[in-house]
Amino acid sequence: MTVKTNLMIAAASSLLLATGATAQTTAPAAPRTGAPTTAAPMAAAPGATTAAPQAAGVPTASTAAATTTIAAALPTLPNRATLTKLVTAAKLQTTLAGPGPYTLFAPSDEAFTRLPAGALDTLLKPESVPTLATIIKYHVVAGALTSDQLKAQITAGGGKATLTTLAGQPLIASLEANGNIALTDTAGIKSFVDTADIKETNGVVHLTNGMSVPKLG
């Protein structure tokens, strides 16, 4: 690995670790399930607290059978353009189009606006592909885990379930009082599933209101 790449990874790591001060820690008012049917919300300014979703706009479960892969569906999901761009930059489209099955925890566009200035641009540089791939893989778990299955694992684990991600690092799932699934990363930062169980041919997608940060470097 070159000195330039080492410096790039170190810079990305320090920027991402700084997200603890601005990470999303507010759980949605109630969990949602099924394919999203409402328009994506406008992104808030960095550091702003996201308002809880309104009950009137809660998506209902889709009865249609899945016809596409996670990779193909990702660009069609509301408020996930940034994640789609990062998956492409990390060269992980083939993985998410593969047989899997996989579970993807998909952060919103707004979640990435809370990164420190310059962090996203750094991650999109060619030299940062290995680091970016680790970050994206930290949001992917082998196996198709529905929200009910996740809750069952949490209950069986006495309130916590340790999910082994494709990055090889654990992501801790727990359950909030209102029924929302919370994800705690290696830095102790929480994000929350606000729309669950978007089923695709090679797995399931859960939309989250924050990104998770693995150990880097």
Protein backbone atom coordinates (compact mmCIF):
# COMPACT_ATOMS: atom_id res chain seq x y z
CA MET A 1 0.00 0.00 0.00
CA THR A 2 1.43 3.40 -0.95
CA VAL A 3 2.12 6.24 1.45
CA LYS A 4 -0.51 8.31 -0.39
CA THR A 5 -3.15 5.63 0.15
CA ASN A 6 -2.21 5.28 3.82
CA LEU A 7 -2.61 9.01 4.31
CA MET A 8 -5.96 8.92 2.49
CA ILE A 9 -7.26 6.14 4.73
CA ALA A 10 -6.04 7.95 7.85
CA ALA A 11 -7.81 11.13 6.76
CA ALA A 12 -11.04 9.27 6.01
CA SER A 13 -10.87 7.46 9.34
CA SER A 14 -10.41 10.63 11.37
CA LEU A 15 -13.25 12.37 9.53
CA LEU A 16 -15.64 9.47 10.02
CA LEU A 17 -14.82 9.08 13.70
CA ALA A 18 -15.85 12.70 14.13
CA THR A 19 -19.43 11.80 13.17
CA GLY A 20 -20.26 10.90 16.76
CA ALA A 21 -21.14 14.52 17.55
CA THR A 22 -23.66 14.80 14.73
CA ALA A 23 -24.95 11.26 14.23
CA GLN A 24 -28.66 10.55 14.09
CA THR A 25 -29.77 9.28 17.51
CA THR A 26 -33.50 9.98 17.36
CA ALA A 27 -35.71 6.95 16.80
CA PRO A 28 -38.67 7.30 14.41
CA ALA A 29 -42.08 7.50 16.07
CA ALA A 30 -42.97 3.97 14.98
CA PRO A 31 -41.40 1.25 12.82
CA ARG A 32 -42.53 0.92 9.20
CA THR A 33 -42.62 -2.11 6.96
CA GLY A 34 -42.83 -2.75 3.25
CA ALA A 35 -41.88 -0.90 0.10
CA PRO A 36 -41.77 2.90 0.44
CA THR A 37 -44.59 4.69 -1.36
CA THR A 38 -44.12 8.29 -0.22
CA ALA A 39 -41.88 11.00 -1.60
CA ALA A 40 -38.40 11.29 -0.12
CA PRO A 41 -38.00 14.02 2.53
CA MET A 42 -35.77 17.00 1.87
CA ALA A 43 -32.29 16.74 3.35
CA ALA A 44 -31.64 18.73 6.49
CA ALA A 45 -28.55 20.80 7.16
CA PRO A 46 -25.56 18.94 8.67
CA GLY A 47 -26.02 18.36 12.38
CA ALA A 48 -29.76 18.97 12.30
CA THR A 49 -32.08 16.62 14.11
CA THR A 50 -34.42 14.71 11.85
CA ALA A 51 -38.09 14.97 12.77
CA ALA A 52 -39.93 11.75 13.45
CA PRO A 53 -41.90 10.47 10.42
CA GLN A 54 -45.59 11.25 10.38
CA ALA A 55 -47.93 8.30 10.84
CA ALA A 56 -50.07 9.36 7.86
CA GLY A 57 -47.20 8.70 5.47
CA VAL A 58 -46.29 5.23 6.72
CA PRO A 59 -45.64 2.92 3.77
CA THR A 60 -47.68 -0.28 3.71
CA ALA A 61 -46.31 -3.73 3.00
CA SER A 62 -45.98 -4.58 -0.67
CA THR A 63 -47.81 -7.69 -1.84
CA ALA A 64 -45.97 -7.86 -5.17
CA ALA A 65 -43.26 -10.48 -5.52
CA ALA A 66 -39.69 -9.18 -5.74
CA THR A 67 -38.45 -9.01 -9.32
CA THR A 68 -35.02 -7.41 -9.05
CA THR A 69 -31.80 -7.57 -7.05
CA ILE A 70 -30.72 -5.25 -4.26
CA ALA A 71 -28.20 -3.60 -6.61
CA ALA A 72 -30.85 -2.91 -9.26
CA ALA A 73 -33.44 -1.74 -6.72
CA LEU A 74 -31.14 0.63 -4.84
CA PRO A 75 -31.36 3.53 -7.35
CA THR A 76 -35.16 3.35 -7.18
CA LEU A 77 -35.41 3.67 -3.40
CA PRO A 78 -36.33 7.13 -2.12
CA ASN A 79 -33.62 9.28 -0.57
CA ARG A 80 -30.82 6.77 -1.31
CA ALA A 81 -28.96 8.50 -4.18
CA THR A 82 -25.80 9.03 -2.11
CA LEU A 83 -25.65 5.39 -1.05
CA THR A 84 -26.15 4.32 -4.66
CA LYS A 85 -23.21 6.51 -5.71
CA LEU A 86 -21.02 5.12 -2.93
CA VAL A 87 -21.85 1.51 -3.80
CA THR A 88 -20.78 2.23 -7.38
CA ALA A 89 -17.58 4.00 -6.28
CA ALA A 90 -16.76 1.08 -3.96
CA LYS A 91 -17.26 -1.34 -6.89
CA LEU A 92 -19.79 -3.40 -4.96
CA GLN A 93 -22.62 -3.48 -7.51
CA THR A 94 -21.64 -7.03 -8.53
CA THR A 95 -21.75 -8.19 -4.91
CA LEU A 96 -25.20 -6.73 -4.30
CA ALA A 97 -26.40 -8.17 -7.62
CA GLY A 98 -25.12 -11.63 -6.70
CA PRO A 99 -27.12 -14.57 -5.39
CA GLY A 100 -26.58 -13.67 -1.75
CA PRO A 101 -28.85 -13.62 0.03
CA TYR A 102 -27.98 -10.37 1.79
CA THR A 103 -29.48 -7.92 4.24
CA LEU A 104 -28.65 -4.29 3.47
CA PHE A 105 -29.08 -1.52 6.03
CA ALA A 106 -29.39 1.49 3.72
CA PRO A 107 -28.60 4.95 5.17
CA SER A 108 -30.56 7.95 3.91
CA ASP A 109 -29.07 10.80 1.89
CA GLU A 110 -29.58 13.03 4.91
CA ALA A 111 -27.40 10.73 7.02
CA PHE A 112 -24.40 11.47 4.81
CA THR A 113 -24.90 15.24 5.08
CA ARG A 114 -23.90 14.89 8.73
CA LEU A 115 -20.38 13.81 7.79
CA PRO A 116 -17.69 16.42 8.48
CA ALA A 117 -16.86 18.74 5.59
CA GLY A 118 -14.73 16.98 2.98
CA ALA A 119 -15.28 13.42 4.26
CA LEU A 120 -17.58 12.34 1.43
CA ASP A 121 -15.28 13.79 -1.25
CA THR A 122 -12.34 11.96 0.33
CA LEU A 123 -14.20 8.66 0.31
CA LEU A 124 -15.08 9.08 -3.37
CA LYS A 125 -11.41 9.38 -4.44
CA PRO A 126 -9.98 6.34 -6.26
CA GLU A 127 -7.37 5.92 -3.53
CA SER A 128 -10.13 5.42 -0.97
CA VAL A 129 -11.85 2.47 -2.66
CA PRO A 130 -10.66 -0.11 -0.07
CA THR A 131 -11.80 2.11 2.82
CA LEU A 132 -15.13 2.91 1.16
CA ALA A 133 -15.71 -0.78 0.41
CA THR A 134 -15.20 -1.59 4.10
CA ILE A 135 -17.72 1.08 5.09
CA ILE A 136 -20.36 -0.15 2.63
CA LYS A 137 -19.77 -3.81 3.56
CA TYR A 138 -20.30 -2.81 7.20
CA HIS A 139 -23.93 -2.15 6.22
CA VAL A 140 -24.40 -5.62 4.69
CA VAL A 141 -25.05 -8.92 6.49
CA ALA A 142 -25.05 -12.36 4.89
CA GLY A 143 -28.51 -13.90 4.84
CA ALA A 144 -31.94 -12.34 4.31
CA LEU A 145 -33.05 -11.14 7.75
CA THR A 146 -36.55 -9.70 8.04
CA SER A 147 -37.45 -7.37 10.88
CA ASP A 148 -39.27 -10.21 12.63
CA GLN A 149 -36.19 -12.41 12.38
CA LEU A 150 -33.98 -9.61 13.69
CA LYS A 151 -36.34 -9.06 16.63
CA ALA A 152 -36.30 -12.79 17.36
CA GLN A 153 -32.50 -12.77 17.43
CA ILE A 154 -32.52 -9.73 19.71
CA THR A 155 -34.92 -11.45 22.09
CA ALA A 156 -32.88 -14.66 22.05
CA GLY A 157 -29.76 -12.63 22.82
CA GLY A 158 -31.28 -11.04 25.89
CA GLY A 159 -31.85 -7.67 24.24
CA LYS A 160 -29.00 -7.62 21.75
CA ALA A 161 -28.06 -9.46 18.57
CA THR A 162 -24.53 -9.37 17.16
CA LEU A 163 -24.65 -9.25 13.37
CA THR A 164 -21.48 -10.17 11.50
CA THR A 165 -21.19 -7.86 8.52
CA LEU A 166 -19.41 -8.47 5.22
CA ALA A 167 -16.71 -6.15 6.58
CA GLY A 168 -15.99 -8.82 9.18
CA GLN A 169 -16.92 -6.47 12.01
CA PRO A 170 -19.92 -6.71 14.36
CA LEU A 171 -22.99 -4.51 14.22
CA ILE A 172 -25.18 -4.68 17.32
CA ALA A 173 -28.95 -4.77 16.86
CA SER A 174 -31.29 -3.94 19.74
CA LEU A 175 -34.93 -3.00 20.19
CA GLU A 176 -36.25 0.38 21.34
CA ALA A 177 -39.33 0.77 23.55
CA ASN A 178 -41.46 1.84 20.56
CA GLY A 179 -40.51 -1.27 18.57
CA ASN A 180 -37.81 0.30 16.38
CA ILE A 181 -34.68 -1.70 15.63
CA ALA A 182 -31.53 0.20 16.61
CA LEU A 183 -28.08 -0.50 15.16
CA THR A 184 -24.99 0.36 17.21
CA ASP A 185 -21.65 0.56 15.40
CA THR A 186 -18.06 0.07 16.57
CA ALA A 187 -17.93 3.67 17.82
CA GLY A 188 -21.10 3.25 19.89
CA ILE A 189 -23.15 5.42 17.52
CA LYS A 190 -26.78 4.44 16.95
CA SER A 191 -28.90 4.55 13.83
CA PHE A 192 -32.47 3.33 13.49
CA VAL A 193 -34.47 1.31 10.97
CA ASP A 194 -37.35 3.54 9.88
CA THR A 195 -38.64 1.40 6.99
CA ALA A 196 -38.15 -2.36 7.14
CA ASP A 197 -38.59 -5.43 4.95
CA ILE A 198 -38.15 -4.19 1.40
CA LYS A 199 -37.74 -7.63 -0.16
CA GLU A 200 -35.68 -8.21 -3.30
CA THR A 201 -34.79 -11.37 -5.21
CA ASN A 202 -31.45 -11.74 -3.43
CA GLY A 203 -32.30 -10.44 0.02
CA VAL A 204 -33.93 -7.68 1.99
CA VAL A 205 -33.31 -3.96 2.49
CA HIS A 206 -33.98 -1.99 5.67
CA LEU A 207 -33.87 1.80 5.35
CA THR A 208 -32.04 3.54 8.19
CA ASN A 209 -31.77 7.16 9.31
CA GLY A 210 -28.04 7.07 10.02
CA MET A 211 -24.81 5.50 8.78
CA SER A 212 -22.72 3.01 10.72
CA VAL A 213 -18.94 3.40 11.02
CA PRO A 214 -16.59 0.38 11.23
CA LYS A 215 -13.04 0.41 12.52
CA LEU A 216 -10.76 1.60 9.74
CA GLY A 217 -7.03 1.44 9.09
